[in-house]
Amino acid sequence: MAKPFFRTAILLLRLLTVSLLVALAGCAAPSRPPEVIPPVQISESTWRQIDSDISSASLAARVAAENYSRGQMENWRRLVSLRTEKYFIPWFTGYWTQQWLTIKLSWYKLRSENGADSAVKRLAAYLLEQYRNRVLAPVAKEIDPDAVREQAARLYIQVLSRQLQEIPRRYGIPSAQFEGRIKNIPAIALPRPPAHSASLYQIVHAADKVDGLPAYAALMARIREAASGAGSERSETSMSPVAQRASEKLLESLAISGGAGVASTIIGGVAGGVLSLGAAGFGAAAREKERPRTEAQLRECLDTIFKDIWHSLMEDRGIGVMGGVSHMSQQIEGSFTKTLINRIEFPKMPQERPLPDEQPPQGQGIDDEAADDDETTDE
């Protein structure tokens, strides 16, 4: 009875030992390397079509951003026009403003080393500053061109990202290979340091947090800095005719009020006060008479200034509201243009071979005849 029990125990012990040895051998054996999936072979013609679709996606995103920015800036222009008519023109032509400008012009002339020209230039700069403070700055609280530029760039990246997501599915190519393709396409290219450059892959994968991308932040900061100083000299030049005419009228009124002041001091009493009031009334009446002409000239100058500002914001692709979009789209779309040019192979021109019966050129025949004549002469 004991022998069968021991036999069974020994058999179980042997099975357990074998199982442990197999388990240990399995742990000691090297792990099987993961299977490497070879990349899908994609023809060159397919890649060319993909590149064309990427360029088209950039164009569609650029159009969307441009439509947005133009709509915003049209509203901005309307607000600027309304505020100019409602606040700036009445302020400039008002009696007390003219009195204040008379004082400022007198101060400019006293401190000026270059005579009247310097005083007029300073008056033009002052009026332009007032235009910014009374018109452009309040409008910017509702629609800020700098904010429009930032939003247009973000919209471009968002639309482009959505467009690119469809391309791998359209051609049935793996996402990894498509991402490898767009990693080699530049989107932002600024001078040093290298961190100020970014690929198409980087900007579309940072679409929601693109402000944290160093290259994007550097690009927008550079455009914003360049735009802040653009056009100021042209604007002052455009304001100069208003300042020139205003200075002439202000000097006339200053002479009248100055003469009246001297006379009232000499006369004294009630008569002197009446004379001063009469001079002030005459000055106010003269200004009121000149108001339509002054307003017309002011509108003309402000229109020129506004056209300069509008051109900088809408037409200048370097610093305008489309500045960021223009830089990125030119880098992306321009890379395909360069690639296309590099792919073009111009055929070699065939070498000319004379026909058997073709006569030699006339010059060559003359030289041969001259050589024969020389040989005959030598003989």
Protein backbone atom coordinates (compact mmCIF):
# COMPACT_ATOMS: atom_id res chain seq x y z
CA MET A 1 0.00 0.00 0.00
CA ALA A 2 2.94 2.28 0.78
CA LYS A 3 4.80 1.50 -2.47
CA PRO A 4 2.09 2.86 -4.87
CA PHE A 5 1.88 6.03 -2.77
CA PHE A 6 5.62 6.62 -2.94
CA ARG A 7 5.63 5.94 -6.68
CA THR A 8 2.92 8.54 -7.21
CA ALA A 9 4.76 11.09 -5.08
CA ILE A 10 8.02 10.52 -6.95
CA LEU A 11 6.22 10.91 -10.29
CA LEU A 12 4.62 14.19 -9.20
CA LEU A 13 7.98 15.45 -7.94
CA ARG A 14 9.58 14.68 -11.30
CA LEU A 15 6.79 16.49 -13.18
CA LEU A 16 7.17 19.52 -10.92
CA THR A 17 10.94 19.56 -11.48
CA VAL A 18 10.52 19.38 -15.25
CA SER A 19 7.96 22.22 -15.17
CA LEU A 20 10.32 24.42 -13.15
CA LEU A 21 13.19 23.73 -15.54
CA VAL A 22 11.03 24.61 -18.56
CA ALA A 23 9.88 27.83 -16.88
CA LEU A 24 13.44 28.81 -16.02
CA ALA A 25 14.59 28.07 -19.54
CA GLY A 26 11.81 30.27 -20.93
CA CYS A 27 12.81 33.17 -18.69
CA ALA A 28 16.48 32.81 -19.61
CA ALA A 29 15.81 32.74 -23.37
CA PRO A 30 16.15 36.14 -25.12
CA SER A 31 12.90 37.93 -25.89
CA ARG A 32 11.77 37.84 -29.48
CA PRO A 33 12.40 41.17 -31.23
CA PRO A 34 9.29 43.01 -32.41
CA GLU A 35 8.40 42.49 -35.99
CA VAL A 36 9.54 45.40 -38.15
CA ILE A 37 6.87 46.52 -40.58
CA PRO A 38 8.49 47.75 -43.78
CA PRO A 39 7.31 51.18 -45.00
CA VAL A 40 4.67 51.25 -47.68
CA GLN A 41 6.14 51.95 -51.07
CA ILE A 42 4.66 55.19 -52.38
CA SER A 43 5.31 56.26 -55.94
CA GLU A 44 6.90 59.59 -56.78
CA SER A 45 3.80 60.65 -58.69
CA THR A 46 1.68 60.05 -55.57
CA TRP A 47 4.04 62.18 -53.49
CA ARG A 48 3.80 64.94 -56.07
CA GLN A 49 0.03 64.85 -55.82
CA ILE A 50 0.25 64.91 -52.03
CA ASP A 51 2.55 67.94 -52.20
CA SER A 52 0.05 69.62 -54.48
CA ASP A 53 -2.73 68.92 -51.98
CA ILE A 54 -0.63 70.36 -49.13
CA SER A 55 -0.08 73.52 -51.16
CA SER A 56 -3.82 73.72 -51.92
CA ALA A 57 -4.59 73.26 -48.21
CA SER A 58 -2.30 76.18 -47.40
CA LEU A 59 -4.05 78.31 -50.02
CA ALA A 60 -7.51 77.44 -48.61
CA ALA A 61 -6.36 78.28 -45.08
CA ARG A 62 -4.86 81.56 -46.30
CA VAL A 63 -8.13 82.55 -47.99
CA ALA A 64 -10.09 81.78 -44.81
CA ALA A 65 -7.71 83.91 -42.73
CA GLU A 66 -7.84 86.75 -45.25
CA ASN A 67 -11.64 86.77 -45.31
CA TYR A 68 -11.69 86.94 -41.51
CA SER A 69 -9.12 89.75 -41.29
CA ARG A 70 -10.74 91.81 -44.04
CA GLY A 71 -14.15 91.55 -42.38
CA GLN A 72 -12.72 92.67 -39.05
CA MET A 73 -10.77 95.53 -40.58
CA GLU A 74 -13.78 96.79 -42.54
CA ASN A 75 -15.59 97.16 -39.21
CA TRP A 76 -12.49 98.86 -37.80
CA ARG A 77 -12.47 101.34 -40.68
CA ARG A 78 -16.14 102.15 -40.13
CA LEU A 79 -15.54 102.84 -36.43
CA VAL A 80 -12.53 105.04 -37.18
CA SER A 81 -14.55 107.08 -39.68
CA LEU A 82 -17.43 107.56 -37.24
CA ARG A 83 -15.17 108.56 -34.39
CA THR A 84 -13.21 110.99 -36.58
CA GLU A 85 -16.37 112.84 -37.57
CA LYS A 86 -17.91 112.75 -34.11
CA TYR A 87 -14.94 113.56 -31.90
CA PHE A 88 -11.74 114.62 -33.64
CA ILE A 89 -12.94 117.17 -36.19
CA PRO A 90 -15.22 119.01 -33.72
CA TRP A 91 -12.39 118.98 -31.17
CA PHE A 92 -9.88 120.47 -33.61
CA THR A 93 -12.16 123.23 -34.89
CA GLY A 94 -13.50 124.14 -31.43
CA TYR A 95 -12.79 127.60 -30.02
CA TRP A 96 -10.98 126.46 -26.88
CA THR A 97 -8.87 123.98 -28.81
CA GLN A 98 -7.77 126.76 -31.12
CA GLN A 99 -6.87 128.88 -28.11
CA TRP A 100 -4.85 126.03 -26.66
CA LEU A 101 -3.11 125.40 -29.99
CA THR A 102 -2.23 129.10 -30.13
CA ILE A 103 -0.46 128.79 -26.78
CA LYS A 104 1.34 125.62 -27.87
CA LEU A 105 2.45 127.18 -31.16
CA SER A 106 3.80 130.21 -29.31
CA TRP A 107 5.71 127.91 -27.00
CA TYR A 108 7.08 125.91 -29.94
CA LYS A 109 8.26 129.08 -31.65
CA LEU A 110 9.99 130.35 -28.53
CA ARG A 111 11.88 127.08 -28.05
CA SER A 112 12.51 126.43 -31.73
CA GLU A 113 16.02 126.84 -33.11
CA ASN A 114 14.99 126.39 -36.74
CA GLY A 115 12.22 128.95 -36.94
CA ALA A 116 8.67 128.40 -38.12
CA ASP A 117 9.34 125.11 -39.94
CA SER A 118 10.30 123.35 -36.73
CA ALA A 119 7.26 124.77 -34.92
CA VAL A 120 4.94 123.55 -37.70
CA LYS A 121 6.53 120.10 -37.61
CA ARG A 122 6.05 119.87 -33.85
CA LEU A 123 2.45 121.01 -34.20
CA ALA A 124 1.85 118.31 -36.84
CA ALA A 125 3.30 115.67 -34.49
CA TYR A 126 1.05 116.93 -31.69
CA LEU A 127 -2.07 116.76 -33.87
CA LEU A 128 -1.16 113.26 -35.00
CA GLU A 129 -0.71 112.20 -31.39
CA GLN A 130 -4.15 113.59 -30.59
CA TYR A 131 -5.62 111.70 -33.54
CA ARG A 132 -4.20 108.46 -32.17
CA ASN A 133 -5.38 109.17 -28.64
CA ARG A 134 -8.86 110.39 -29.58
CA VAL A 135 -9.64 108.05 -32.49
CA LEU A 136 -7.34 105.07 -33.03
CA ALA A 137 -6.77 104.08 -29.39
CA PRO A 138 -10.49 104.03 -28.41
CA VAL A 139 -11.37 102.05 -31.55
CA ALA A 140 -8.59 99.56 -30.74
CA LYS A 141 -10.44 98.70 -27.52
CA GLU A 142 -13.18 97.22 -29.71
CA ILE A 143 -11.14 96.00 -32.69
CA ASP A 144 -7.36 95.91 -32.29
CA PRO A 145 -5.39 95.36 -35.53
CA ASP A 146 -2.66 93.59 -33.53
CA ALA A 147 -5.24 91.15 -32.16
CA VAL A 148 -6.67 90.65 -35.66
CA ARG A 149 -3.18 89.74 -36.90
CA GLU A 150 -2.75 87.17 -34.12
CA GLN A 151 -6.19 85.65 -34.66
CA ALA A 152 -5.73 85.45 -38.43
CA ALA A 153 -2.48 83.50 -37.95
CA ARG A 154 -4.15 81.09 -35.52
CA LEU A 155 -7.09 80.60 -37.88
CA TYR A 156 -4.70 79.84 -40.74
CA ILE A 157 -2.97 77.14 -38.67
CA GLN A 158 -6.26 75.62 -37.47
CA VAL A 159 -7.78 75.40 -40.96
CA LEU A 160 -4.52 74.05 -42.38
CA SER A 161 -4.35 71.39 -39.67
CA ARG A 162 -7.88 70.18 -40.46
CA GLN A 163 -7.12 70.11 -44.18
CA LEU A 164 -3.94 68.07 -43.69
CA GLN A 165 -5.69 65.41 -41.60
CA GLU A 166 -7.66 64.32 -44.67
CA ILE A 167 -4.67 63.78 -46.96
CA PRO A 168 -3.29 60.45 -45.56
CA ARG A 169 -6.75 58.87 -45.65
CA ARG A 170 -7.31 60.19 -49.16
CA TYR A 171 -4.26 58.36 -50.52
CA GLY A 172 -4.19 55.44 -48.09
CA ILE A 173 -0.70 56.15 -46.77
CA PRO A 174 0.44 55.58 -43.15
CA SER A 175 0.32 58.62 -40.91
CA ALA A 176 3.96 58.11 -39.90
CA GLN A 177 5.16 58.48 -43.48
CA PHE A 178 3.00 61.54 -44.07
CA GLU A 179 4.27 63.15 -40.87
CA GLY A 180 7.82 62.43 -41.97
CA ARG A 181 7.06 64.26 -45.18
CA ILE A 182 5.72 67.42 -43.55
CA LYS A 183 8.60 67.48 -41.05
CA ASN A 184 10.81 68.48 -43.98
CA ILE A 185 8.55 71.34 -45.10
CA PRO A 186 9.51 74.72 -43.55
CA ALA A 187 6.74 76.90 -42.10
CA ILE A 188 8.67 79.55 -40.16
CA ALA A 189 12.19 80.57 -41.13
CA LEU A 190 13.76 83.43 -39.19
CA PRO A 191 17.42 84.34 -38.76
CA ARG A 192 19.34 82.95 -35.82
CA PRO A 193 18.87 81.29 -33.39
CA PRO A 194 17.72 77.93 -34.84
CA ALA A 195 14.84 77.81 -32.35
CA HIS A 196 13.23 80.56 -34.43
CA SER A 197 12.52 78.10 -37.25
CA ALA A 198 9.70 75.57 -37.34
CA SER A 199 8.42 72.93 -39.74
CA LEU A 200 4.90 72.41 -41.00
CA TYR A 201 4.64 69.40 -38.68
CA GLN A 202 5.47 71.52 -35.63
CA ILE A 203 2.93 74.27 -36.24
CA VAL A 204 -0.01 71.98 -37.06
CA HIS A 205 0.68 69.75 -34.04
CA ALA A 206 0.82 72.84 -31.82
CA ALA A 207 -2.31 74.36 -33.35
CA ASP A 208 -4.16 74.85 -30.04
CA LYS A 209 -1.03 75.95 -28.15
CA VAL A 210 0.93 77.58 -30.94
CA ASP A 211 1.75 80.61 -28.77
CA GLY A 212 4.12 78.36 -26.82
CA LEU A 213 6.14 77.55 -29.94
CA PRO A 214 9.32 79.69 -29.79
CA ALA A 215 9.50 80.21 -33.55
CA TYR A 216 5.87 81.37 -33.75
CA ALA A 217 6.26 83.73 -30.78
CA ALA A 218 9.41 85.22 -32.32
CA LEU A 219 7.70 85.69 -35.70
CA MET A 220 4.69 87.53 -34.30
CA ALA A 221 6.84 89.67 -31.99
CA ARG A 222 9.03 90.71 -34.90
CA ILE A 223 6.03 91.69 -37.05
CA ARG A 224 4.42 93.58 -34.17
CA GLU A 225 7.62 95.54 -33.51
CA ALA A 226 8.06 96.43 -37.18
CA ALA A 227 4.42 97.51 -37.50
CA SER A 228 4.56 99.80 -34.47
CA GLY A 229 7.10 102.12 -36.09
CA ALA A 230 5.88 101.97 -39.67
CA GLY A 231 4.27 104.95 -41.33
CA SER A 232 4.78 107.51 -38.55
CA GLU A 233 6.99 109.76 -40.68
CA ARG A 234 4.57 109.60 -43.62
CA SER A 235 1.65 110.40 -41.32
CA GLU A 236 3.40 113.48 -39.93
CA THR A 237 4.11 114.63 -43.48
CA SER A 238 0.44 114.18 -44.37
CA MET A 239 -0.61 116.20 -41.33
CA SER A 240 1.78 119.06 -42.18
CA PRO A 241 -0.64 121.01 -44.46
CA VAL A 242 -3.19 121.18 -41.64
CA ALA A 243 -0.50 122.22 -39.18
CA GLN A 244 0.83 124.84 -41.62
CA ARG A 245 -2.56 126.43 -42.20
CA ALA A 246 -3.44 126.19 -38.52
CA SER A 247 -0.20 127.88 -37.54
CA GLU A 248 -0.85 130.76 -39.96
CA LYS A 249 -4.34 131.33 -38.59
CA LEU A 250 -3.20 130.91 -35.02
CA LEU A 251 -0.43 133.46 -35.50
CA GLU A 252 -2.94 135.91 -36.98
CA SER A 253 -5.23 135.47 -34.01
CA LEU A 254 -2.25 135.76 -31.69
CA ALA A 255 -1.29 139.08 -33.28
CA ILE A 256 -4.86 140.37 -32.95
CA SER A 257 -5.18 139.28 -29.34
CA GLY A 258 -1.69 140.58 -28.54
CA GLY A 259 -2.42 143.98 -30.05
CA ALA A 260 -5.73 144.14 -28.27
CA GLY A 261 -4.02 143.24 -25.01
CA VAL A 262 -1.52 146.09 -25.35
CA ALA A 263 -4.29 148.55 -26.24
CA SER A 264 -6.47 147.45 -23.35
CA THR A 265 -3.55 147.89 -20.96
CA ILE A 266 -2.94 151.43 -22.21
CA ILE A 267 -6.60 152.41 -22.16
CA GLY A 268 -7.43 150.58 -18.97
CA GLY A 269 -10.75 150.45 -17.17
CA VAL A 270 -14.04 149.42 -18.73
CA ALA A 271 -13.02 150.59 -22.21
CA GLY A 272 -9.96 148.34 -22.14
CA GLY A 273 -12.06 145.35 -21.11
CA VAL A 274 -14.56 146.05 -23.88
CA LEU A 275 -11.69 146.19 -26.39
CA SER A 276 -10.33 142.82 -25.22
CA LEU A 277 -13.78 141.24 -25.43
CA GLY A 278 -14.26 142.72 -28.88
CA ALA A 279 -10.95 141.27 -30.07
CA ALA A 280 -11.88 137.87 -28.65
CA GLY A 281 -15.28 138.04 -30.32
CA PHE A 282 -13.67 139.01 -33.61
CA GLY A 283 -11.28 136.05 -33.32
CA ALA A 284 -14.12 133.64 -32.56
CA ALA A 285 -16.19 134.99 -35.47
CA ALA A 286 -13.23 134.70 -37.82
CA ARG A 287 -12.63 131.10 -36.78
CA GLU A 288 -16.30 130.25 -37.21
CA LYS A 289 -16.21 131.71 -40.70
CA GLU A 290 -13.14 129.62 -41.54
CA ARG A 291 -14.58 126.43 -40.00
CA PRO A 292 -15.94 124.83 -43.26
CA ARG A 293 -12.65 125.40 -45.06
CA THR A 294 -10.65 124.15 -42.08
CA GLU A 295 -12.79 121.03 -41.76
CA ALA A 296 -12.48 120.28 -45.49
CA GLN A 297 -8.70 120.54 -45.38
CA LEU A 298 -8.55 118.48 -42.20
CA ARG A 299 -10.68 115.73 -43.76
CA GLU A 300 -8.43 115.69 -46.82
CA CYS A 301 -5.29 115.31 -44.71
CA LEU A 302 -6.88 112.71 -42.44
CA ASP A 303 -7.99 110.78 -45.50
CA THR A 304 -4.37 110.66 -46.71
CA ILE A 305 -3.20 109.55 -43.27
CA PHE A 306 -5.88 106.90 -43.09
CA LYS A 307 -4.97 105.56 -46.54
CA ASP A 308 -1.37 105.16 -45.37
CA ILE A 309 -2.52 103.32 -42.25
CA TRP A 310 -4.93 101.14 -44.24
CA HIS A 311 -2.23 100.27 -46.77
CA SER A 312 0.14 99.25 -43.96
CA LEU A 313 -2.51 97.10 -42.31
CA MET A 314 -4.12 95.47 -45.35
CA GLU A 315 -1.71 95.60 -48.28
CA ASP A 316 1.69 95.28 -46.64
CA ARG A 317 2.19 91.52 -46.36
CA GLY A 318 5.22 91.98 -44.16
CA ILE A 319 3.73 93.96 -41.25
CA GLY A 320 -0.01 94.04 -41.91
CA VAL A 321 -2.77 91.97 -40.33
CA MET A 322 -1.83 89.12 -42.70
CA GLY A 323 1.87 89.34 -41.82
CA GLY A 324 2.07 86.05 -39.92
CA VAL A 325 -0.11 84.21 -42.42
CA SER A 326 1.90 85.52 -45.36
CA HIS A 327 5.21 84.40 -43.87
CA MET A 328 4.03 80.85 -43.14
CA SER A 329 2.15 80.38 -46.42
CA GLN A 330 5.09 81.66 -48.47
CA GLN A 331 7.44 79.24 -46.73
CA ILE A 332 5.12 76.27 -47.21
CA GLU A 333 3.96 76.96 -50.76
CA GLY A 334 7.37 78.25 -51.81
CA SER A 335 9.06 74.98 -50.81
CA PHE A 336 7.01 73.11 -53.42
CA THR A 337 7.90 75.66 -56.09
CA LYS A 338 11.61 75.13 -55.40
CA THR A 339 11.16 71.35 -55.48
CA LEU A 340 9.34 71.55 -58.81
CA ILE A 341 12.10 73.67 -60.33
CA ASN A 342 14.75 71.22 -59.11
CA ARG A 343 12.88 68.32 -60.69
CA ILE A 344 12.79 69.88 -64.14
CA GLU A 345 15.51 68.46 -66.39
CA PHE A 346 16.13 70.41 -69.54
CA PRO A 347 17.07 68.23 -72.54
CA LYS A 348 20.53 68.67 -73.96
CA MET A 349 20.73 70.46 -77.27
CA PRO A 350 21.89 68.14 -80.10
CA GLN A 351 25.29 68.89 -81.54
CA GLU A 352 25.35 70.23 -85.06
CA ARG A 353 26.86 67.94 -87.68
CA PRO A 354 27.48 69.17 -91.24
CA LEU A 355 25.81 67.30 -94.05
CA PRO A 356 28.04 65.44 -96.56
CA ASP A 357 27.32 67.84 -99.44
CA GLU A 358 27.30 70.95 -97.25
CA GLN A 359 29.73 73.67 -98.33
CA PRO A 360 32.06 75.04 -95.69
CA PRO A 361 31.32 78.51 -94.33
CA GLN A 362 32.36 81.37 -96.52
CA GLY A 363 35.00 82.60 -94.11
CA GLN A 364 36.64 79.20 -93.96
CA GLY A 365 36.85 79.02 -97.81
CA ILE A 366 38.51 82.45 -97.98
CA ASP A 367 41.10 81.38 -95.43
CA ASP A 368 41.84 78.21 -97.39
CA GLU A 369 42.23 80.16 -100.64
CA ALA A 370 44.52 82.65 -98.92
CA ALA A 371 46.63 79.77 -97.62
CA ASP A 372 46.86 78.30 -101.16
CA ASP A 373 47.96 81.69 -102.53
CA ASP A 374 50.66 81.93 -99.88
CA GLU A 375 51.96 78.50 -100.78
CA THR A 376 52.05 79.47 -104.50
CA THR A 377 53.94 82.66 -103.69
CA ASP A 378 56.48 80.76 -101.62
CA GLU A 379 57.07 78.39 -104.49
